[in-house]
Amino acid sequence: VYPCNFCSFMAHSISDKNMQFTYLDMEILICCLWIRQCVVLQYWRKQKEKAMGAIGEQFGEKAEKKVGEEVVELLNDIADAVIEGKINSGMLDIGNGMKAKIAVTAKGLVKVEKTVTEKGTKEV
């Protein structure tokens, strides 16, 4: 009997005992997902989908000022790391006065923030 790394669901392994630990983890996770018990992983997936949607709205195809595809992919990677708890927040200076910040709020929601700074100077 082995626990799922995400939700601690206990599953029986029918594989060889000499199997590497990472493969065993994956087998337990697949077993756990197969019976749809891994609530933690499902929650992470929903958060990632929502974060990707927010990034697409603010920086991707739906945005007024679009940024490059590589920047959107980088923001998606930052969102993944924030959601998985690898980092607390991530900030990216895109250039031309545009910045992006991705963090998790106290309520556990993913916050995608876009800041645009416009500076105007006039000499008379």
Protein backbone atom coordinates (compact mmCIF):
# COMPACT_ATOMS: atom_id res chain seq x y z
CA VAL A 1 0.00 0.00 0.00
CA TYR A 2 1.42 3.36 -1.07
CA PRO A 3 0.08 6.95 -0.73
CA CYS A 4 -0.51 9.39 -3.56
CA ASN A 5 1.96 12.30 -3.31
CA PHE A 6 -0.80 14.85 -3.88
CA CYS A 7 -3.74 13.72 -1.73
CA SER A 8 -2.37 10.77 0.33
CA PHE A 9 -4.89 8.34 -1.17
CA MET A 10 -3.70 4.82 -0.36
CA ALA A 11 -3.36 2.49 -3.33
CA HIS A 12 -2.02 -1.02 -3.79
CA SER A 13 0.87 -1.48 -6.15
CA ILE A 14 0.87 -4.55 -8.35
CA SER A 15 4.30 -3.82 -9.79
CA ASP A 16 7.73 -5.20 -9.05
CA LYS A 17 9.26 -4.09 -5.71
CA ASN A 18 12.57 -3.26 -7.46
CA MET A 19 10.87 -0.51 -9.47
CA GLN A 20 12.36 2.96 -9.11
CA PHE A 21 10.52 5.22 -6.66
CA THR A 22 9.54 7.82 -9.28
CA TYR A 23 7.81 5.21 -11.42
CA LEU A 24 6.02 3.89 -8.35
CA ASP A 25 4.83 7.41 -7.52
CA MET A 26 3.51 7.82 -11.04
CA GLU A 27 1.72 4.48 -10.88
CA ILE A 28 0.00 5.46 -7.61
CA LEU A 29 -0.93 8.87 -9.05
CA ILE A 30 -2.40 7.24 -12.17
CA CYS A 31 -4.34 4.81 -9.98
CA CYS A 32 -5.56 7.71 -7.86
CA LEU A 33 -6.59 9.74 -10.93
CA TRP A 34 -8.24 6.73 -12.48
CA ILE A 35 -10.74 6.54 -9.66
CA ARG A 36 -10.87 10.38 -9.57
CA GLN A 37 -9.87 10.70 -5.93
CA CYS A 38 -6.96 13.12 -6.21
CA VAL A 39 -8.73 16.31 -5.16
CA VAL A 40 -5.50 18.28 -4.79
CA LEU A 41 -4.36 17.63 -8.35
CA GLN A 42 -7.83 18.43 -9.71
CA TYR A 43 -7.78 21.74 -7.81
CA TRP A 44 -4.32 22.57 -9.23
CA ARG A 45 -5.53 21.82 -12.76
CA LYS A 46 -8.53 24.12 -12.35
CA GLN A 47 -6.31 26.89 -10.98
CA LYS A 48 -3.86 26.47 -13.86
CA GLU A 49 -6.68 26.65 -16.43
CA LYS A 50 -8.06 29.82 -14.84
CA ALA A 51 -4.60 31.39 -14.62
CA MET A 52 -3.87 30.60 -18.27
CA GLY A 53 -7.21 32.17 -19.20
CA ALA A 54 -6.41 35.33 -17.24
CA ILE A 55 -2.94 35.52 -18.80
CA GLY A 56 -4.49 35.11 -22.25
CA GLU A 57 -7.00 37.88 -21.58
CA GLN A 58 -4.45 40.35 -20.29
CA PHE A 59 -1.40 39.55 -22.39
CA GLY A 60 -2.38 37.15 -25.19
CA GLU A 61 -4.68 37.30 -28.19
CA LYS A 62 -7.57 38.99 -26.35
CA ALA A 63 -5.43 41.84 -24.99
CA GLU A 64 -5.34 45.38 -26.36
CA LYS A 65 -1.55 45.39 -26.41
CA LYS A 66 -0.42 41.89 -27.34
CA VAL A 67 2.94 40.52 -26.28
CA GLY A 68 4.99 37.78 -27.90
CA GLU A 69 4.06 34.12 -27.67
CA GLU A 70 7.29 33.38 -25.77
CA VAL A 71 6.30 35.91 -23.09
CA VAL A 72 2.87 34.28 -22.67
CA GLU A 73 4.53 30.85 -22.36
CA LEU A 74 6.94 32.23 -19.74
CA LEU A 75 4.02 33.71 -17.78
CA ASN A 76 2.24 30.35 -17.93
CA ASP A 77 5.39 28.66 -16.56
CA ILE A 78 5.55 31.22 -13.74
CA ALA A 79 1.87 30.57 -12.96
CA ASP A 80 2.55 26.82 -12.80
CA ALA A 81 5.42 27.35 -10.34
CA VAL A 82 3.30 29.67 -8.17
CA ILE A 83 0.33 27.29 -8.11
CA GLU A 84 2.52 24.29 -7.25
CA GLY A 85 4.09 26.26 -4.38
CA LYS A 86 7.61 26.26 -5.81
CA ILE A 87 7.74 30.08 -5.60
CA ASN A 88 5.58 32.61 -3.73
CA SER A 89 5.15 35.03 -6.63
CA GLY A 90 6.71 35.99 -9.91
CA MET A 91 7.17 39.37 -11.57
CA LEU A 92 8.21 39.96 -15.16
CA ASP A 93 9.21 43.29 -16.71
CA ILE A 94 8.05 42.90 -20.30
CA GLY A 95 9.31 46.27 -21.49
CA ASN A 96 7.70 49.44 -22.82
CA GLY A 97 6.38 50.17 -19.33
CA MET A 98 4.49 46.87 -19.02
CA LYS A 99 4.93 44.53 -16.05
CA ALA A 100 3.23 41.30 -15.03
CA LYS A 101 2.92 39.86 -11.53
CA ILE A 102 1.51 36.45 -10.64
CA ALA A 103 0.85 35.49 -7.02
CA VAL A 104 -1.52 33.51 -4.82
CA THR A 105 -3.84 35.57 -2.61
CA ALA A 106 -4.62 34.86 1.04
CA LYS A 107 -7.84 33.20 -0.13
CA GLY A 108 -5.84 30.78 -2.27
CA LEU A 109 -6.80 32.34 -5.60
CA VAL A 110 -4.30 33.06 -8.36
CA LYS A 111 -3.85 36.78 -9.00
CA VAL A 112 -2.62 37.85 -12.45
CA GLU A 113 -1.76 41.54 -12.37
CA LYS A 114 -0.82 43.75 -15.31
CA THR A 115 0.75 47.16 -14.76
CA VAL A 116 1.23 49.63 -17.59
CA THR A 117 3.20 52.79 -16.86
CA GLU A 118 2.91 55.64 -19.30
CA LYS A 119 5.17 58.60 -18.91
CA GLY A 120 4.62 61.86 -20.72
CA THR A 121 7.13 64.68 -20.91
CA LYS A 122 6.67 68.06 -22.52
CA GLU A 123 9.27 70.76 -22.95
CA VAL A 124 8.02 74.23 -23.78
